[in-house]
Amino acid sequence: MLKCPVCGNPVEVPDDAMPGELIEHDCGVVLEVYRDSNGNLALRPFEGVQEDWGE
């Protein structure tokens, strides 16, 4: 089971979770699923969608 990088409590991540999915945790933070350098699923705080002005 993965832990929240903000509060350290366990986070239930579905077995079929894909990188890029967002999970709202009990502590109020939105977490993004990603693959770490070893190819394992990990969690990081979601930074939000960045503006892309096309240039």
C-alpha atoms as a PDB file:
ATOM      1  CA  MET A   1       0.000   0.000   0.000  1.00  0.00           C
ATOM      2  CA  LEU A   2       1.284   3.445  -0.898  1.00  0.00           C
ATOM      3  CA  LYS A   3       1.597   6.297   1.594  1.00  0.00           C
ATOM      4  CA  CYS A   4       0.538   9.903   1.181  1.00  0.00           C
ATOM      5  CA  PRO A   5       3.658  12.043   0.603  1.00  0.00           C
ATOM      6  CA  VAL A   6       1.997  14.892   2.552  1.00  0.00           C
ATOM      7  CA  CYS A   7       0.591  13.263   5.709  1.00  0.00           C
ATOM      8  CA  GLY A   8       2.244   9.811   5.602  1.00  0.00           C
ATOM      9  CA  ASN A   9      -1.012   7.881   6.015  1.00  0.00           C
ATOM     10  CA  PRO A  10      -1.824   4.893   3.783  1.00  0.00           C
ATOM     11  CA  VAL A  11      -3.629   5.542   0.497  1.00  0.00           C
ATOM     12  CA  GLU A  12      -5.817   2.924  -1.173  1.00  0.00           C
ATOM     13  CA  VAL A  13      -4.774   2.817  -4.826  1.00  0.00           C
ATOM     14  CA  PRO A  14      -6.804   0.538  -7.113  1.00  0.00           C
ATOM     15  CA  ASP A  15      -4.877  -2.379  -8.626  1.00  0.00           C
ATOM     16  CA  ASP A  16      -5.715  -1.101 -12.116  1.00  0.00           C
ATOM     17  CA  ALA A  17      -4.545   2.490 -11.465  1.00  0.00           C
ATOM     18  CA  MET A  18      -2.752   4.128 -14.380  1.00  0.00           C
ATOM     19  CA  PRO A  19      -0.133   6.888 -14.308  1.00  0.00           C
ATOM     20  CA  GLY A  20      -1.834  10.268 -14.496  1.00  0.00           C
ATOM     21  CA  GLU A  21      -4.880   9.256 -12.442  1.00  0.00           C
ATOM     22  CA  LEU A  22      -5.858  11.540  -9.589  1.00  0.00           C
ATOM     23  CA  ILE A  23      -6.827  10.339  -6.125  1.00  0.00           C
ATOM     24  CA  GLU A  24      -8.295  12.576  -3.431  1.00  0.00           C
ATOM     25  CA  HIS A  25      -6.916  11.551  -0.064  1.00  0.00           C
ATOM     26  CA  ASP A  26      -8.542  11.887   3.370  1.00  0.00           C
ATOM     27  CA  CYS A  27      -6.133  14.680   4.351  1.00  0.00           C
ATOM     28  CA  GLY A  28      -7.568  16.854   1.557  1.00  0.00           C
ATOM     29  CA  VAL A  29      -4.686  16.719  -0.903  1.00  0.00           C
ATOM     30  CA  VAL A  30      -5.163  15.544  -4.491  1.00  0.00           C
ATOM     31  CA  LEU A  31      -2.521  12.983  -5.432  1.00  0.00           C
ATOM     32  CA  GLU A  32      -1.300  12.024  -8.902  1.00  0.00           C
ATOM     33  CA  VAL A  33      -0.311   8.439  -9.672  1.00  0.00           C
ATOM     34  CA  TYR A  34       3.012   8.170 -11.545  1.00  0.00           C
ATOM     35  CA  ARG A  35       5.779   5.645 -12.173  1.00  0.00           C
ATOM     36  CA  ASP A  36       9.011   6.161 -10.267  1.00  0.00           C
ATOM     37  CA  SER A  37      12.505   5.490 -11.670  1.00  0.00           C
ATOM     38  CA  ASN A  38      12.118   1.777 -10.834  1.00  0.00           C
ATOM     39  CA  GLY A  39       8.836   1.501 -12.752  1.00  0.00           C
ATOM     40  CA  ASN A  40       6.723   1.191  -9.594  1.00  0.00           C
ATOM     41  CA  LEU A  41       3.557   3.161  -9.003  1.00  0.00           C
ATOM     42  CA  ALA A  42       4.057   6.104  -6.665  1.00  0.00           C
ATOM     43  CA  LEU A  43       2.126   9.178  -5.524  1.00  0.00           C
ATOM     44  CA  ARG A  44       2.917  12.886  -5.628  1.00  0.00           C
ATOM     45  CA  PRO A  45       0.844  15.984  -4.903  1.00  0.00           C
ATOM     46  CA  PHE A  46      -1.029  17.090  -8.022  1.00  0.00           C
ATOM     47  CA  GLU A  47       0.372  20.394  -9.233  1.00  0.00           C
ATOM     48  CA  GLY A  48      -2.625  21.286 -11.390  1.00  0.00           C
ATOM     49  CA  VAL A  49      -2.951  21.826 -15.098  1.00  0.00           C
ATOM     50  CA  GLN A  50      -0.409  24.260 -16.474  1.00  0.00           C
ATOM     51  CA  GLU A  51      -1.534  26.903 -18.952  1.00  0.00           C
ATOM     52  CA  ASP A  52      -0.356  26.297 -22.503  1.00  0.00           C
ATOM     53  CA  TRP A  53      -0.615  29.406 -24.612  1.00  0.00           C
ATOM     54  CA  GLY A  54       0.512  27.593 -27.760  1.00  0.00           C
ATOM     55  CA  GLU A  55       3.901  29.245 -28.125  1.00  0.00           C
END
